[in-house]
Amino acid sequence: MASGREYLEYRPLRAPRESGARMFVPPWEEVGSLVGANRRTRAAACCDIQGKCLGRLAAAARTELVRAARHWTGQYRDLDAWAEQSPERVLLAGHQPQMFHPGVWLKNYALSRLAEEHHALGVNLVVDSDILWSAVLRVPGGSPAEPRVANIPFDAPGLAVPFEERGILQPEVFASFADRVAEQLADLVKDPLVGSYWRLVRRRAADGHRLGACLAQARHAIEGAWGWRTLEVPQSAVCDTSAYRWFLCHLLDELPRFQRDYNEVVRQYRAIHRIRSAAHPVPDLAEQDGWLEAPFWVWQAGDPRRQRLFARRVGNAVLLTDRRGLEIALPLAPGGDPLRAVDALDDWAAKGVRIRSRALITTLWARLALGDLFVHGIGGAKYDQVADALIWRFFRVAPPGFFIVSGTLHLPVHRPADRGQVSRRIRQELRRLEFQPERYLDQVHPAVPADARRLAEEKRAWVFREVAGESRRQRFLAIRGLNRELRRWVAPRAACLRRELDIAEQSARASAILTSRDYGFCLYPAATLHDFFTGLLPKRV
């Protein structure tokens, strides 16, 4: 049986270090060939998903995706003619609804440009089933010479719940966020995007939207003002489509085999990449008291703390549970038509039960059915090697290729030069001053004092003396004592070097703070972002 190991080879993917640098894998000009190959692979696939071939289910899934994306985007952006056309091709990207860094935002611009160049519709998936772990944004402040980073809250702390369910808990903190960020940035960045961006965020909040939707829709509205042509849709809406639920029922019906394949490729990935942690790239799916864990989250609207989903077959039904009291019976005979089960999932959703895909299944479904190309960042590209192997092992389909985009942009701050090499040189010299102080006597004293010269000669005699047994420790103690005496004669040089080291290390700390690539996009001026995006992609023909 094909194991899928060939898709798990180590790939040395690294984000660009220099500001204004980019990475495309494969090269930009090869994307058209990749899209064509993916479309041919799907057309030739003989994969049965609960009585439907992959191509037929994918066509239905794409229709539902586009309809949901138009509805979602139309709530806050005027849809031009390009958005209403029936697309022959669909290109996808996705990320959590966060204030991510410009290197992540580059994916969205790339998606728009690729869709334009390849006569496709670009759809960005807003992954709102992920958890908002912290309602703060890291913001640098202070001066370029002595910067400091503060965590600026944009809402009060709350339960760790998915973005889909996270409301705004403290309106006054939320309302003042942009002012506090601008104050923190004042001496570093002029006219950051956060002011205009947060006005859009607050406008979406005033219309009653949850926090994640406010953050994502405001960002997408800016993209529209900049001329980017993409639609967006939350992953929660994708999970509520009929085609997706058909796919979900297939995985639940085949869960024993799917779980074995899933765990096997995850373990192979760990072995190939020499990963010891059982949590990376994803945890194994568990078995508990006859219940098999499925790669989905479940929660209820009244208690939005997401739980792992477990299932087991009982006759012509599949029971679902969160192991905390919720239990659902799906009428799903082995290998049978899941239409009744899909209707049952619709009914449970109306009652507030949420079943959402985990990250691996999110992109697996997107790549298999929803689009002709998925645009990944580096992190997604690494873990999606597991999806590649799983697609081949479980579905017997060659995994569709994806496109990797990454970039780096530093804050537009005139900063001290990184003196890391200077620090290393000073540390090396301080070490020599500690263990070989006699080498520096003539640098500190124009005429080496007789007492210092005598100590140096005595040390030299001990260094070259032939000793054995207990005498070795005697020599060690003698040299250590002489070094201690000699260091007094070069103390001025050591003190000067320590002052230089303090200056160099402060410069290195300042450079590390100011050259971080992980600051949120709203901390940058709009013009800086625009130049970054347009400068990294090939010129329009």
Protein backbone atom coordinates (compact mmCIF):
# COMPACT_ATOMS: atom_id res chain seq x y z
CA MET A 1 0.00 0.00 0.00
CA ALA A 2 1.31 3.48 -0.89
CA SER A 3 2.47 5.17 2.31
CA GLY A 4 2.75 8.79 1.15
CA ARG A 5 6.26 9.09 2.60
CA GLU A 6 7.47 10.62 -0.65
CA TYR A 7 5.47 13.76 0.19
CA LEU A 8 7.04 14.21 3.62
CA GLU A 9 10.62 15.05 2.71
CA TYR A 10 12.30 17.89 4.58
CA ARG A 11 12.02 21.26 2.80
CA PRO A 12 14.32 24.05 4.06
CA LEU A 13 11.79 26.88 3.93
CA ARG A 14 12.92 30.08 5.63
CA ALA A 15 11.33 33.50 5.68
CA PRO A 16 13.41 36.23 4.02
CA ARG A 17 15.53 38.15 6.52
CA GLU A 18 16.06 41.42 4.65
CA SER A 19 13.34 44.05 4.60
CA GLY A 20 11.62 44.20 1.23
CA ALA A 21 12.59 40.63 0.32
CA ARG A 22 10.20 37.97 -0.95
CA MET A 23 10.01 34.24 -1.52
CA PHE A 24 7.88 32.45 -4.14
CA VAL A 25 7.87 28.64 -4.42
CA PRO A 26 7.54 27.68 -7.24
CA PRO A 27 8.54 30.80 -9.20
CA TRP A 28 5.72 33.18 -10.05
CA GLU A 29 5.86 32.42 -13.77
CA GLU A 30 5.19 28.71 -13.12
CA VAL A 31 1.86 29.23 -11.33
CA GLY A 32 -0.14 28.85 -14.54
CA SER A 33 1.34 25.42 -15.16
CA LEU A 34 0.65 24.45 -11.55
CA VAL A 35 -3.01 25.49 -11.81
CA GLY A 36 -3.37 23.50 -15.03
CA ALA A 37 -1.80 20.42 -13.49
CA ASN A 38 -4.10 20.63 -10.46
CA ARG A 39 -7.18 20.88 -12.66
CA ARG A 40 -6.10 17.86 -14.73
CA THR A 41 -5.44 15.86 -11.56
CA ARG A 42 -8.92 16.51 -10.23
CA ALA A 43 -10.55 15.75 -13.59
CA ALA A 44 -8.76 12.40 -13.77
CA ALA A 45 -9.35 11.42 -10.13
CA CYS A 46 -11.56 8.37 -9.63
CA CYS A 47 -12.24 9.07 -5.97
CA ASP A 48 -15.61 8.06 -4.56
CA ILE A 49 -16.83 10.15 -1.65
CA GLN A 50 -19.92 8.51 -0.27
CA GLY A 51 -21.36 7.76 -3.68
CA LYS A 52 -20.22 10.94 -5.41
CA CYS A 53 -17.08 11.28 -7.48
CA LEU A 54 -14.65 13.95 -6.34
CA GLY A 55 -15.23 16.11 -9.42
CA ARG A 56 -18.99 16.23 -8.94
CA LEU A 57 -18.72 17.00 -5.22
CA ALA A 58 -16.04 19.64 -5.90
CA ALA A 59 -18.28 21.40 -8.44
CA ALA A 60 -21.10 21.60 -5.89
CA ALA A 61 -18.70 22.73 -3.16
CA ARG A 62 -17.30 25.49 -5.37
CA THR A 63 -20.76 26.78 -6.22
CA GLU A 64 -21.65 26.98 -2.53
CA LEU A 65 -18.30 28.60 -1.71
CA VAL A 66 -18.68 31.37 -4.26
CA ARG A 67 -22.28 32.03 -3.24
CA ALA A 68 -21.30 32.28 0.44
CA ALA A 69 -18.27 34.49 -0.35
CA ARG A 70 -20.35 36.91 -2.40
CA HIS A 71 -22.93 37.13 0.38
CA TRP A 72 -20.30 37.70 3.08
CA THR A 73 -18.25 40.24 1.15
CA GLY A 74 -21.34 42.08 -0.05
CA GLN A 75 -22.15 43.00 3.56
CA TYR A 76 -19.32 45.55 3.68
CA ARG A 77 -17.99 46.01 0.11
CA ASP A 78 -19.66 46.93 -3.15
CA LEU A 79 -19.24 43.99 -5.53
CA ASP A 80 -18.04 44.98 -8.97
CA ALA A 81 -18.71 43.04 -12.16
CA TRP A 82 -15.64 40.83 -11.71
CA ALA A 83 -17.12 39.41 -8.51
CA GLU A 84 -20.42 38.47 -10.14
CA GLN A 85 -18.99 36.51 -13.07
CA SER A 86 -19.14 32.71 -13.07
CA PRO A 87 -15.52 31.73 -12.46
CA GLU A 88 -13.84 28.97 -14.44
CA ARG A 89 -11.04 28.85 -11.89
CA VAL A 90 -10.96 29.53 -8.15
CA LEU A 91 -7.77 30.36 -6.25
CA LEU A 92 -7.65 30.30 -2.45
CA ALA A 93 -5.71 31.53 0.54
CA GLY A 94 -6.57 31.64 4.22
CA HIS A 95 -5.59 32.94 7.64
CA GLN A 96 -6.99 33.72 11.06
CA PRO A 97 -8.78 37.10 11.44
CA GLN A 98 -5.83 38.75 13.14
CA MET A 99 -3.68 41.86 12.72
CA PHE A 100 -0.98 39.75 11.10
CA HIS A 101 2.34 41.03 9.80
CA PRO A 102 2.84 42.36 6.25
CA GLY A 103 4.53 39.14 5.11
CA VAL A 104 1.23 37.33 5.70
CA TRP A 105 -0.76 40.12 4.07
CA LEU A 106 1.40 39.69 0.97
CA LYS A 107 -0.48 36.41 0.37
CA ASN A 108 -3.72 38.32 -0.10
CA TYR A 109 -2.19 40.71 -2.61
CA ALA A 110 -0.59 37.79 -4.43
CA LEU A 111 -3.99 36.05 -4.49
CA SER A 112 -5.59 39.09 -6.10
CA ARG A 113 -2.86 39.42 -8.71
CA LEU A 114 -2.86 35.70 -9.52
CA ALA A 115 -6.63 35.66 -9.92
CA GLU A 116 -6.39 38.61 -12.28
CA GLU A 117 -3.59 37.07 -14.35
CA HIS A 118 -5.19 33.62 -14.62
CA HIS A 119 -8.81 34.72 -15.16
CA ALA A 120 -9.86 33.23 -11.83
CA LEU A 121 -11.79 34.26 -8.74
CA GLY A 122 -9.68 34.72 -5.62
CA VAL A 123 -11.31 33.72 -2.33
CA ASN A 124 -9.66 34.19 1.05
CA LEU A 125 -10.85 31.88 3.86
CA VAL A 126 -11.13 33.64 7.22
CA VAL A 127 -10.29 30.83 9.65
CA ASP A 128 -12.62 31.84 12.46
CA SER A 129 -12.68 28.43 14.16
CA ASP A 130 -9.24 29.17 15.64
CA ILE A 131 -9.03 30.61 19.13
CA LEU A 132 -8.23 34.19 20.07
CA TRP A 133 -5.68 33.46 22.77
CA SER A 134 -4.78 37.03 23.64
CA ALA A 135 -6.51 40.33 22.86
CA VAL A 136 -3.31 42.37 22.71
CA LEU A 137 -1.01 43.65 19.96
CA ARG A 138 2.76 43.97 20.37
CA VAL A 139 3.70 47.57 19.64
CA PRO A 140 7.19 49.11 19.79
CA GLY A 141 7.73 52.50 21.37
CA GLY A 142 10.45 54.69 22.83
CA SER A 143 13.23 56.09 20.66
CA PRO A 144 15.18 54.42 17.85
CA ALA A 145 18.20 54.23 20.15
CA GLU A 146 16.26 52.78 23.09
CA PRO A 147 13.06 51.16 21.82
CA ARG A 148 10.79 49.09 24.01
CA VAL A 149 7.82 46.85 23.25
CA ALA A 150 4.46 46.99 24.98
CA ASN A 151 1.40 44.77 24.70
CA ILE A 152 -1.49 47.09 23.86
CA PRO A 153 -4.90 45.48 24.56
CA PHE A 154 -7.71 45.93 22.04
CA ASP A 155 -10.25 44.24 24.31
CA ALA A 156 -10.50 42.78 27.79
CA PRO A 157 -9.23 39.24 28.42
CA GLY A 158 -11.87 36.55 28.15
CA LEU A 159 -12.45 32.85 27.75
CA ALA A 160 -10.33 31.13 25.11
CA VAL A 161 -13.09 30.74 22.52
CA PRO A 162 -13.06 30.67 18.70
CA PHE A 163 -13.10 33.95 16.78
CA GLU A 164 -16.50 32.90 15.46
CA GLU A 165 -17.96 33.25 18.96
CA ARG A 166 -15.79 36.03 20.46
CA GLY A 167 -17.70 39.21 21.09
CA ILE A 168 -16.33 42.58 22.22
CA LEU A 169 -16.15 42.47 26.00
CA GLN A 170 -14.97 45.94 26.99
CA PRO A 171 -16.14 48.64 24.54
CA GLU A 172 -14.10 51.44 26.09
CA VAL A 173 -10.84 49.49 25.70
CA PHE A 174 -11.85 48.56 22.17
CA ALA A 175 -12.72 52.15 21.25
CA SER A 176 -9.43 53.65 22.48
CA PHE A 177 -7.12 51.05 20.95
CA ALA A 178 -5.96 53.08 17.94
CA ASP A 179 -5.17 56.15 20.06
CA ARG A 180 -3.09 54.11 22.50
CA VAL A 181 -1.21 52.41 19.67
CA ALA A 182 -0.49 55.75 17.96
CA GLU A 183 0.78 57.19 21.23
CA GLN A 184 3.11 54.23 21.75
CA LEU A 185 4.41 54.51 18.16
CA ALA A 186 4.66 58.30 18.10
CA ASP A 187 8.46 58.63 18.18
CA LEU A 188 9.04 55.78 15.74
CA VAL A 189 6.37 55.69 13.01
CA LYS A 190 4.46 58.62 11.58
CA ASP A 191 0.90 58.19 10.30
CA PRO A 192 0.45 54.44 10.88
CA LEU A 193 -2.48 52.70 9.22
CA VAL A 194 -4.05 51.89 12.59
CA GLY A 195 -6.07 55.13 12.68
CA SER A 196 -8.03 54.59 9.47
CA TYR A 197 -8.10 50.82 9.93
CA TRP A 198 -9.58 50.99 13.41
CA ARG A 199 -12.30 53.39 12.32
CA LEU A 200 -13.43 50.69 9.89
CA VAL A 201 -13.17 48.06 12.63
CA ARG A 202 -15.37 50.13 14.95
CA ARG A 203 -17.85 50.70 12.14
CA ARG A 204 -18.23 46.93 11.71
CA ALA A 205 -18.62 46.56 15.49
CA ALA A 206 -21.37 49.18 15.49
CA ASP A 207 -23.26 46.97 13.05
CA GLY A 208 -23.19 44.17 15.60
CA HIS A 209 -20.43 41.93 14.27
CA ARG A 210 -18.18 39.80 16.43
CA LEU A 211 -14.56 40.71 17.01
CA GLY A 212 -12.96 38.43 14.41
CA ALA A 213 -15.38 39.55 11.71
CA CYS A 214 -14.71 43.21 12.55
CA LEU A 215 -10.94 42.76 12.23
CA ALA A 216 -11.18 40.79 8.97
CA GLN A 217 -13.85 42.85 7.23
CA ALA A 218 -12.10 46.15 7.97
CA ARG A 219 -8.85 44.81 6.54
CA HIS A 220 -10.64 43.49 3.47
CA ALA A 221 -12.37 46.83 2.99
CA ILE A 222 -8.93 48.47 2.81
CA GLU A 223 -7.89 45.90 0.23
CA GLY A 224 -10.92 46.86 -1.83
CA ALA A 225 -10.01 50.55 -1.61
CA TRP A 226 -6.53 49.64 -2.85
CA GLY A 227 -7.99 47.83 -5.85
CA TRP A 228 -7.42 44.23 -4.73
CA ARG A 229 -9.94 41.87 -6.31
CA THR A 230 -10.78 39.04 -3.92
CA LEU A 231 -13.79 37.76 -2.03
CA GLU A 232 -13.68 36.55 1.55
CA VAL A 233 -15.72 34.05 3.51
CA PRO A 234 -15.37 32.66 7.05
CA GLN A 235 -14.43 29.01 7.35
CA SER A 236 -17.48 28.58 9.59
CA ALA A 237 -19.69 29.32 6.56
CA VAL A 238 -17.80 26.74 4.51
CA CYS A 239 -18.37 24.16 7.24
CA ASP A 240 -22.12 24.82 7.04
CA THR A 241 -22.41 24.03 3.32
CA SER A 242 -24.06 20.82 2.13
CA ALA A 243 -21.03 19.66 0.11
CA TYR A 244 -18.76 20.03 3.12
CA ARG A 245 -21.17 18.09 5.34
CA TRP A 246 -21.28 15.34 2.72
CA PHE A 247 -17.49 15.17 2.96
CA LEU A 248 -17.68 15.21 6.77
CA CYS A 249 -20.05 12.24 6.72
CA HIS A 250 -17.63 10.35 4.47
CA LEU A 251 -14.78 10.81 6.94
CA LEU A 252 -17.02 9.79 9.85
CA ASP A 253 -18.21 6.68 7.98
CA GLU A 254 -14.59 5.75 7.18
CA LEU A 255 -13.18 7.00 10.48
CA PRO A 256 -11.35 3.80 11.58
CA ARG A 257 -9.36 3.71 8.32
CA PHE A 258 -8.99 7.48 8.14
CA GLN A 259 -7.65 7.67 11.70
CA ARG A 260 -5.08 4.94 11.01
CA ASP A 261 -3.87 6.74 7.88
CA TYR A 262 -3.87 10.12 9.61
CA ASN A 263 -1.81 8.94 12.57
CA GLU A 264 0.60 7.02 10.37
CA VAL A 265 1.49 9.99 8.16
CA VAL A 266 1.82 12.26 11.20
CA ARG A 267 4.25 9.81 12.80
CA GLN A 268 6.18 9.48 9.56
CA TYR A 269 6.46 13.26 9.39
CA ARG A 270 7.86 13.39 12.93
CA ALA A 271 10.38 10.66 12.15
CA ILE A 272 11.56 12.27 8.90
CA HIS A 273 11.84 15.72 10.47
CA ARG A 274 13.24 14.38 13.77
CA ILE A 275 10.48 15.95 15.84
CA ARG A 276 10.14 14.64 19.39
CA SER A 277 7.05 16.60 20.43
CA ALA A 278 3.83 14.59 20.19
CA ALA A 279 1.97 17.87 19.49
CA HIS A 280 3.79 18.68 16.25
CA PRO A 281 2.90 19.11 13.49
CA VAL A 282 -0.46 18.00 14.92
CA PRO A 283 -1.33 15.55 17.71
CA ASP A 284 -2.32 11.98 16.91
CA LEU A 285 -6.04 11.24 16.84
CA ALA A 286 -6.91 9.37 20.02
CA GLU A 287 -9.09 6.41 20.97
CA GLN A 288 -10.97 6.58 24.27
CA ASP A 289 -13.24 3.84 25.55
CA GLY A 290 -14.24 2.75 22.07
CA TRP A 291 -14.67 6.32 20.79
CA LEU A 292 -12.44 7.42 17.91
CA GLU A 293 -11.30 11.01 17.73
CA ALA A 294 -12.13 12.77 14.45
CA PRO A 295 -10.12 15.77 13.14
CA PHE A 296 -12.86 18.29 13.97
CA TRP A 297 -13.82 20.70 16.74
CA VAL A 298 -17.27 20.78 18.30
CA TRP A 299 -18.98 23.18 20.67
CA GLN A 300 -22.41 24.61 21.43
CA ALA A 301 -23.48 28.22 21.09
CA GLY A 302 -24.33 28.38 24.80
CA ASP A 303 -20.86 27.12 25.75
CA PRO A 304 -18.40 28.12 23.00
CA ARG A 305 -15.35 26.40 24.47
CA ARG A 306 -14.35 24.12 21.64
CA GLN A 307 -13.84 20.40 22.31
CA ARG A 308 -12.46 17.49 20.34
CA LEU A 309 -15.05 15.52 18.40
CA PHE A 310 -15.31 11.75 18.97
CA ALA A 311 -17.38 9.22 17.05
CA ARG A 312 -18.30 5.55 17.00
CA ARG A 313 -20.58 3.42 14.90
CA VAL A 314 -23.70 1.79 16.35
CA GLY A 315 -25.54 -0.19 13.68
CA ASN A 316 -26.78 2.15 10.95
CA ALA A 317 -25.88 5.28 12.89
CA VAL A 318 -22.73 7.15 13.81
CA LEU A 319 -22.77 8.68 17.26
CA LEU A 320 -20.92 11.95 17.83
CA THR A 321 -19.87 13.31 21.20
CA ASP A 322 -17.65 15.90 22.84
CA ARG A 323 -17.18 13.57 25.87
CA ARG A 324 -18.76 16.30 28.01
CA GLY A 325 -22.47 15.49 27.66
CA LEU A 326 -23.27 16.32 24.03
CA GLU A 327 -24.27 13.31 21.92
CA ILE A 328 -25.65 13.31 18.37
CA ALA A 329 -26.89 10.33 16.37
CA LEU A 330 -26.37 10.58 12.62
CA PRO A 331 -28.43 8.19 10.46
CA LEU A 332 -25.52 6.92 8.37
CA ALA A 333 -25.40 3.29 7.23
CA PRO A 334 -21.96 1.89 6.35
CA GLY A 335 -21.11 3.12 2.85
CA GLY A 336 -24.61 4.51 2.42
CA ASP A 337 -26.08 7.72 1.07
CA PRO A 338 -25.45 10.43 3.71
CA LEU A 339 -28.32 12.70 2.69
CA ARG A 340 -30.29 12.06 5.89
CA ALA A 341 -27.15 12.57 7.95
CA VAL A 342 -26.49 15.89 6.18
CA ASP A 343 -30.06 16.98 7.01
CA ALA A 344 -29.49 15.94 10.63
CA LEU A 345 -26.32 18.07 10.78
CA ASP A 346 -28.36 21.01 9.43
CA ASP A 347 -30.90 20.49 12.22
CA TRP A 348 -28.22 20.32 14.91
CA ALA A 349 -26.56 23.46 13.55
CA ALA A 350 -29.89 25.27 13.87
CA LYS A 351 -29.87 24.23 17.54
CA GLY A 352 -26.45 25.82 18.07
CA VAL A 353 -24.11 22.85 17.60
CA ARG A 354 -20.95 23.86 15.75
CA ILE A 355 -18.76 21.27 14.02
CA ARG A 356 -15.66 22.82 12.49
CA SER A 357 -12.63 21.45 10.71
CA ARG A 358 -9.19 21.56 12.24
CA ALA A 359 -6.35 23.17 10.29
CA LEU A 360 -5.22 20.08 8.41
CA ILE A 361 -8.74 19.25 7.19
CA THR A 362 -9.45 22.90 6.38
CA THR A 363 -6.70 23.06 3.78
CA LEU A 364 -7.18 19.45 2.68
CA TRP A 365 -10.80 20.18 1.73
CA ALA A 366 -9.87 23.52 0.19
CA ARG A 367 -7.21 21.95 -2.01
CA LEU A 368 -9.18 18.83 -2.94
CA ALA A 369 -12.51 20.45 -3.69
CA LEU A 370 -12.80 24.21 -3.33
CA GLY A 371 -10.07 25.65 -5.49
CA ASP A 372 -7.52 25.09 -8.23
CA LEU A 373 -4.63 26.48 -6.19
CA PHE A 374 -4.01 27.27 -2.53
CA VAL A 375 -1.61 30.07 -1.60
CA HIS A 376 0.28 29.16 1.55
CA GLY A 377 2.71 30.93 3.84
CA ILE A 378 5.75 29.09 5.14
CA GLY A 379 4.07 27.65 8.24
CA GLY A 380 1.08 26.32 6.34
CA ALA A 381 3.31 24.89 3.63
CA LYS A 382 5.30 22.90 6.19
CA TYR A 383 2.38 21.24 7.92
CA ASP A 384 0.47 20.70 4.67
CA GLN A 385 3.05 18.11 3.67
CA VAL A 386 1.04 15.94 6.06
CA ALA A 387 -2.10 16.74 4.07
CA ASP A 388 -0.24 15.76 0.88
CA ALA A 389 0.62 12.36 2.29
CA LEU A 390 -2.89 11.88 3.69
CA ILE A 391 -4.55 12.79 0.38
CA TRP A 392 -2.46 10.17 -1.38
CA ARG A 393 -2.78 7.49 1.30
CA PHE A 394 -6.50 7.79 2.06
CA PHE A 395 -8.07 9.18 -1.13
CA ARG A 396 -5.62 7.62 -3.60
CA VAL A 397 -5.38 10.97 -5.36
CA ALA A 398 -2.18 12.81 -6.25
CA PRO A 399 -2.22 15.88 -3.96
CA PRO A 400 -2.76 19.21 -5.73
CA GLY A 401 0.30 21.45 -5.65
CA PHE A 402 0.26 24.71 -3.73
CA PHE A 403 2.03 28.05 -4.06
CA ILE A 404 4.18 29.45 -1.22
CA VAL A 405 4.45 33.19 -0.65
CA SER A 406 6.44 34.95 2.05
CA GLY A 407 7.93 38.38 2.53
CA THR A 408 9.58 40.56 5.14
CA LEU A 409 9.03 44.23 5.89
CA HIS A 410 10.67 46.13 8.75
CA LEU A 411 9.15 49.22 10.30
CA PRO A 412 10.27 52.40 8.51
CA VAL A 413 12.48 53.52 11.39
CA HIS A 414 16.05 54.86 11.13
CA ARG A 415 17.73 52.52 13.55
CA PRO A 416 21.21 51.98 14.97
CA ALA A 417 23.37 49.54 13.07
CA ASP A 418 23.29 46.00 14.43
CA ARG A 419 26.65 45.69 16.18
CA GLY A 420 26.42 41.97 16.79
CA GLN A 421 29.88 41.33 15.34
CA VAL A 422 31.33 44.09 17.51
CA SER A 423 29.78 42.47 20.59
CA ARG A 424 31.30 39.12 19.71
CA ARG A 425 34.75 40.66 19.19
CA ILE A 426 34.58 42.48 22.53
CA ARG A 427 33.50 39.34 24.36
CA GLN A 428 36.39 37.41 22.86
CA GLU A 429 38.84 40.11 23.97
CA LEU A 430 37.38 40.20 27.48
CA ARG A 431 37.85 36.45 27.69
CA ARG A 432 41.48 36.80 26.67
CA LEU A 433 41.93 39.54 29.27
CA GLU A 434 40.61 37.10 31.87
CA PHE A 435 42.78 34.12 30.95
CA GLN A 436 45.74 35.73 29.12
CA PRO A 437 46.09 39.19 30.69
CA GLU A 438 49.86 39.25 30.14
CA ARG A 439 49.26 39.69 26.39
CA TYR A 440 47.80 43.15 27.01
CA LEU A 441 50.34 44.58 29.46
CA ASP A 442 52.22 46.59 26.84
CA GLN A 443 48.88 47.93 25.42
CA VAL A 444 47.85 49.31 28.81
CA HIS A 445 51.29 50.47 30.04
CA PRO A 446 53.80 52.24 27.77
CA ALA A 447 56.50 50.85 30.02
CA VAL A 448 55.47 47.59 31.66
CA PRO A 449 56.10 47.82 35.44
CA ALA A 450 58.68 45.42 36.84
CA ASP A 451 56.13 43.73 39.15
CA ALA A 452 53.80 43.00 36.23
CA ARG A 453 56.69 41.72 34.10
CA ARG A 454 57.74 39.43 36.96
CA LEU A 455 54.20 37.97 37.25
CA ALA A 456 54.08 37.36 33.50
CA GLU A 457 57.42 35.56 33.51
CA GLU A 458 56.35 33.44 36.47
CA LYS A 459 53.15 32.42 34.67
CA ARG A 460 55.11 31.56 31.52
CA ALA A 461 57.36 29.31 33.59
CA TRP A 462 54.36 27.46 35.03
CA VAL A 463 52.74 27.10 31.60
CA PHE A 464 55.79 25.35 30.13
CA ARG A 465 56.73 23.33 33.21
CA GLU A 466 56.48 19.56 32.80
CA VAL A 467 54.27 18.24 35.62
CA ALA A 468 52.43 14.99 36.42
CA GLY A 469 49.99 13.62 38.98
CA GLU A 470 49.16 15.96 41.87
CA SER A 471 51.49 18.59 40.48
CA ARG A 472 48.97 19.32 37.72
CA ARG A 473 46.52 20.75 40.22
CA GLN A 474 49.34 22.77 41.80
CA ARG A 475 50.14 24.26 38.37
CA PHE A 476 46.44 24.99 37.72
CA LEU A 477 46.06 26.85 41.03
CA ALA A 478 49.29 28.75 40.49
CA ILE A 479 48.26 29.95 37.01
CA ARG A 480 44.79 30.92 38.24
CA GLY A 481 46.32 33.00 41.04
CA LEU A 482 48.79 34.67 38.70
CA ASN A 483 46.00 35.51 36.26
CA ARG A 484 44.13 37.14 39.12
CA GLU A 485 47.16 39.28 39.95
CA LEU A 486 47.83 40.16 36.32
CA ARG A 487 44.23 41.23 35.71
CA ARG A 488 44.77 44.13 38.11
CA TRP A 489 47.32 45.56 35.69
CA VAL A 490 44.94 45.45 32.70
CA ALA A 491 41.79 46.48 34.59
CA PRO A 492 41.51 49.85 32.77
CA ARG A 493 41.40 48.05 29.44
CA ALA A 494 38.75 45.62 30.71
CA ALA A 495 36.62 48.49 32.06
CA CYS A 496 36.80 50.29 28.74
CA LEU A 497 35.75 47.13 26.87
CA ARG A 498 32.80 46.59 29.18
CA ARG A 499 31.56 50.09 28.46
CA GLU A 500 31.91 49.43 24.74
CA LEU A 501 30.07 46.13 25.18
CA ASP A 502 27.16 47.83 26.93
CA ILE A 503 26.83 50.26 24.02
CA ALA A 504 27.10 47.50 21.41
CA GLU A 505 24.57 45.27 23.17
CA GLN A 506 22.09 48.13 23.54
CA SER A 507 22.46 48.76 19.82
CA ALA A 508 21.91 45.05 19.10
CA ARG A 509 18.80 44.99 21.33
CA ALA A 510 17.43 48.07 19.59
CA SER A 511 18.09 46.55 16.18
CA ALA A 512 16.40 43.28 17.18
CA ILE A 513 13.28 45.15 18.32
CA LEU A 514 13.06 47.40 15.29
CA THR A 515 13.81 44.69 12.70
CA SER A 516 11.22 42.19 13.90
CA ARG A 517 9.10 41.01 10.99
CA ASP A 518 6.15 40.09 13.22
CA TYR A 519 4.54 43.46 13.91
CA GLY A 520 0.92 43.83 12.86
CA PHE A 521 0.23 45.42 9.48
CA CYS A 522 -1.67 48.33 11.04
CA LEU A 523 1.55 49.68 12.61
CA TYR A 524 2.96 50.60 9.19
CA PRO A 525 2.10 53.66 7.09
CA ALA A 526 -0.17 52.90 4.17
CA ALA A 527 2.41 54.18 1.68
CA THR A 528 5.07 51.86 3.09
CA LEU A 529 2.75 48.87 2.77
CA HIS A 530 1.70 49.84 -0.75
CA ASP A 531 5.33 50.13 -1.90
CA PHE A 532 6.14 46.79 -0.28
CA PHE A 533 3.32 44.94 -2.00
CA THR A 534 3.66 46.45 -5.44
CA GLY A 535 7.45 46.24 -5.38
CA LEU A 536 7.59 42.51 -4.67
CA LEU A 537 5.31 41.14 -7.36
CA PRO A 538 6.22 41.04 -11.06
CA LYS A 539 5.12 44.05 -13.05
CA ARG A 540 1.80 43.74 -14.86
CA VAL A 541 2.28 42.93 -18.52
